[in-house]
């Protein structure tokens, strides 16, 4: 899994959580209307490659739902890190779409 489109966030040990908010896609990678969205997946990257943090069930098969999830980032005490967050979408046929910012 590669995060081509992503968001960078500064995380501190005093607040090691990030709220990730996004709108589910409504079209497939080729532009056709989405009819079988299964889930979106949130990843974080501390610099060693993406790590899956959670799967979020689709709000409906056609997508378009507003999603907001809080993700805890595993950093040590007194640390401060710039991390990358990305989200992918997966259809019921298990085809991953391109990452969303």
C-alpha atoms as a PDB file:
ATOM      1  CA  UNK A   1       0.000   0.000   0.000  1.00  0.00           C
ATOM      2  CA  UNK A   2       1.432   3.352  -1.021  1.00  0.00           C
ATOM      3  CA  UNK A   3       0.113   6.675   0.222  1.00  0.00           C
ATOM      4  CA  UNK A   4       0.416   8.824  -2.896  1.00  0.00           C
ATOM      5  CA  UNK A   5      -1.908  11.509  -1.508  1.00  0.00           C
ATOM      6  CA  UNK A   6      -1.671  12.198   2.180  1.00  0.00           C
ATOM      7  CA  UNK A   7      -1.785  14.764   4.973  1.00  0.00           C
ATOM      8  CA  UNK A   8       1.105  15.598   7.300  1.00  0.00           C
ATOM      9  CA  UNK A   9       0.391  16.182  10.995  1.00  0.00           C
ATOM     10  CA  UNK A  10       2.569  17.017  13.994  1.00  0.00           C
ATOM     11  CA  UNK A  11       1.855  14.690  16.934  1.00  0.00           C
ATOM     12  CA  UNK A  12       3.119  15.296  20.468  1.00  0.00           C
ATOM     13  CA  UNK A  13       3.373  12.906  23.403  1.00  0.00           C
ATOM     14  CA  UNK A  14       1.033  15.209  25.344  1.00  0.00           C
ATOM     15  CA  UNK A  15      -1.670  14.651  22.690  1.00  0.00           C
ATOM     16  CA  UNK A  16      -0.897  11.456  20.742  1.00  0.00           C
ATOM     17  CA  UNK A  17      -4.212  11.412  18.867  1.00  0.00           C
ATOM     18  CA  UNK A  18      -5.270  12.711  15.462  1.00  0.00           C
ATOM     19  CA  UNK A  19      -8.843  13.250  14.299  1.00  0.00           C
ATOM     20  CA  UNK A  20      -9.130  12.068  10.704  1.00  0.00           C
ATOM     21  CA  UNK A  21     -12.139  13.487   8.829  1.00  0.00           C
ATOM     22  CA  UNK A  22     -13.013  12.806   5.202  1.00  0.00           C
ATOM     23  CA  UNK A  23     -15.817  12.197   2.734  1.00  0.00           C
ATOM     24  CA  UNK A  24     -16.080   8.699   1.288  1.00  0.00           C
ATOM     25  CA  UNK A  25     -15.560   8.513  -2.481  1.00  0.00           C
ATOM     26  CA  UNK A  26     -18.598   8.267  -4.757  1.00  0.00           C
ATOM     27  CA  UNK A  27     -16.818   7.082  -7.903  1.00  0.00           C
ATOM     28  CA  UNK A  28     -14.383   4.287  -8.698  1.00  0.00           C
ATOM     29  CA  UNK A  29     -10.801   4.905  -9.848  1.00  0.00           C
ATOM     30  CA  UNK A  30     -12.024   4.913 -13.478  1.00  0.00           C
ATOM     31  CA  UNK A  31     -14.746   7.498 -12.740  1.00  0.00           C
ATOM     32  CA  UNK A  32     -17.812   5.256 -12.796  1.00  0.00           C
ATOM     33  CA  UNK A  33     -20.366   5.646  -9.974  1.00  0.00           C
ATOM     34  CA  UNK A  34     -19.536   3.595  -6.888  1.00  0.00           C
ATOM     35  CA  UNK A  35     -22.084   0.875  -6.101  1.00  0.00           C
ATOM     36  CA  UNK A  36     -20.216  -1.467  -3.759  1.00  0.00           C
ATOM     37  CA  UNK A  37     -18.087   0.485  -1.265  1.00  0.00           C
ATOM     38  CA  UNK A  38     -17.214  -1.887   1.579  1.00  0.00           C
ATOM     39  CA  UNK A  39     -14.901   0.171   3.782  1.00  0.00           C
ATOM     40  CA  UNK A  40     -12.273   2.848   4.067  1.00  0.00           C
ATOM     41  CA  UNK A  41      -8.955   2.190   5.783  1.00  0.00           C
ATOM     42  CA  UNK A  42      -6.913   4.739   7.731  1.00  0.00           C
ATOM     43  CA  UNK A  43      -3.113   4.480   7.764  1.00  0.00           C
ATOM     44  CA  UNK A  44      -0.397   6.444   9.548  1.00  0.00           C
ATOM     45  CA  UNK A  45       3.297   6.596   8.693  1.00  0.00           C
ATOM     46  CA  UNK A  46       5.950   7.507  11.257  1.00  0.00           C
ATOM     47  CA  UNK A  47       8.615   7.394   8.530  1.00  0.00           C
ATOM     48  CA  UNK A  48       9.030   3.636   8.150  1.00  0.00           C
ATOM     49  CA  UNK A  49       6.096   3.000   5.812  1.00  0.00           C
ATOM     50  CA  UNK A  50       2.302   3.003   6.201  1.00  0.00           C
ATOM     51  CA  UNK A  51       0.748   1.155   9.146  1.00  0.00           C
ATOM     52  CA  UNK A  52      -2.927   0.209   9.050  1.00  0.00           C
ATOM     53  CA  UNK A  53      -4.698   1.665  12.048  1.00  0.00           C
ATOM     54  CA  UNK A  54      -8.383   0.923  11.396  1.00  0.00           C
ATOM     55  CA  UNK A  55     -11.040  -0.160   8.914  1.00  0.00           C
ATOM     56  CA  UNK A  56     -14.188   1.969   8.864  1.00  0.00           C
ATOM     57  CA  UNK A  57     -17.310   0.294   7.413  1.00  0.00           C
ATOM     58  CA  UNK A  58     -18.884   2.238   4.538  1.00  0.00           C
ATOM     59  CA  UNK A  59     -21.869   4.396   5.429  1.00  0.00           C
ATOM     60  CA  UNK A  60     -23.605   3.069   2.294  1.00  0.00           C
ATOM     61  CA  UNK A  61     -22.581   1.123  -0.841  1.00  0.00           C
ATOM     62  CA  UNK A  62     -22.566   4.278  -2.979  1.00  0.00           C
ATOM     63  CA  UNK A  63     -20.213   6.141  -0.600  1.00  0.00           C
ATOM     64  CA  UNK A  64     -20.372   9.864   0.015  1.00  0.00           C
ATOM     65  CA  UNK A  65     -20.715   9.639   3.796  1.00  0.00           C
ATOM     66  CA  UNK A  66     -18.906  11.969   6.166  1.00  0.00           C
ATOM     67  CA  UNK A  67     -16.429  10.095   8.383  1.00  0.00           C
ATOM     68  CA  UNK A  68     -14.551  11.309  11.449  1.00  0.00           C
ATOM     69  CA  UNK A  69     -12.368   8.960  13.502  1.00  0.00           C
ATOM     70  CA  UNK A  70      -9.841   9.568  16.259  1.00  0.00           C
ATOM     71  CA  UNK A  71      -6.594   7.652  15.808  1.00  0.00           C
ATOM     72  CA  UNK A  72      -4.035   7.114  18.572  1.00  0.00           C
ATOM     73  CA  UNK A  73      -0.441   7.356  17.361  1.00  0.00           C
ATOM     74  CA  UNK A  74       2.126   5.232  19.228  1.00  0.00           C
ATOM     75  CA  UNK A  75       4.872   7.685  20.178  1.00  0.00           C
ATOM     76  CA  UNK A  76       7.073   7.669  23.245  1.00  0.00           C
ATOM     77  CA  UNK A  77       7.023  10.061  26.180  1.00  0.00           C
ATOM     78  CA  UNK A  78       8.502  13.480  25.435  1.00  0.00           C
ATOM     79  CA  UNK A  79       8.414  12.761  21.675  1.00  0.00           C
ATOM     80  CA  UNK A  80       7.138  14.982  18.906  1.00  0.00           C
ATOM     81  CA  UNK A  81       6.806  13.520  15.411  1.00  0.00           C
ATOM     82  CA  UNK A  82       5.646  14.642  12.012  1.00  0.00           C
ATOM     83  CA  UNK A  83       3.488  11.833  10.658  1.00  0.00           C
ATOM     84  CA  UNK A  84       1.641  11.128   7.441  1.00  0.00           C
ATOM     85  CA  UNK A  85      -2.030  10.071   7.397  1.00  0.00           C
ATOM     86  CA  UNK A  86      -3.849   8.589   4.418  1.00  0.00           C
ATOM     87  CA  UNK A  87      -7.116   6.794   3.721  1.00  0.00           C
ATOM     88  CA  UNK A  88      -7.915   4.198   1.056  1.00  0.00           C
ATOM     89  CA  UNK A  89     -11.306   2.913  -0.101  1.00  0.00           C
ATOM     90  CA  UNK A  90     -12.096  -0.751  -0.758  1.00  0.00           C
ATOM     91  CA  UNK A  91     -15.027  -2.150  -2.724  1.00  0.00           C
ATOM     92  CA  UNK A  92     -16.907  -5.312  -1.809  1.00  0.00           C
ATOM     93  CA  UNK A  93     -14.856  -6.999  -4.527  1.00  0.00           C
ATOM     94  CA  UNK A  94     -11.780  -6.058  -2.396  1.00  0.00           C
ATOM     95  CA  UNK A  95     -10.334  -3.660  -4.950  1.00  0.00           C
ATOM     96  CA  UNK A  96      -8.425  -0.870  -3.188  1.00  0.00           C
ATOM     97  CA  UNK A  97      -8.894   2.556  -4.654  1.00  0.00           C
ATOM     98  CA  UNK A  98      -6.309   5.310  -4.681  1.00  0.00           C
ATOM     99  CA  UNK A  99      -5.527   6.942  -1.330  1.00  0.00           C
ATOM    100  CA  UNK A 100      -7.592   9.972  -0.266  1.00  0.00           C
ATOM    101  CA  UNK A 101      -6.161  12.953   1.500  1.00  0.00           C
END
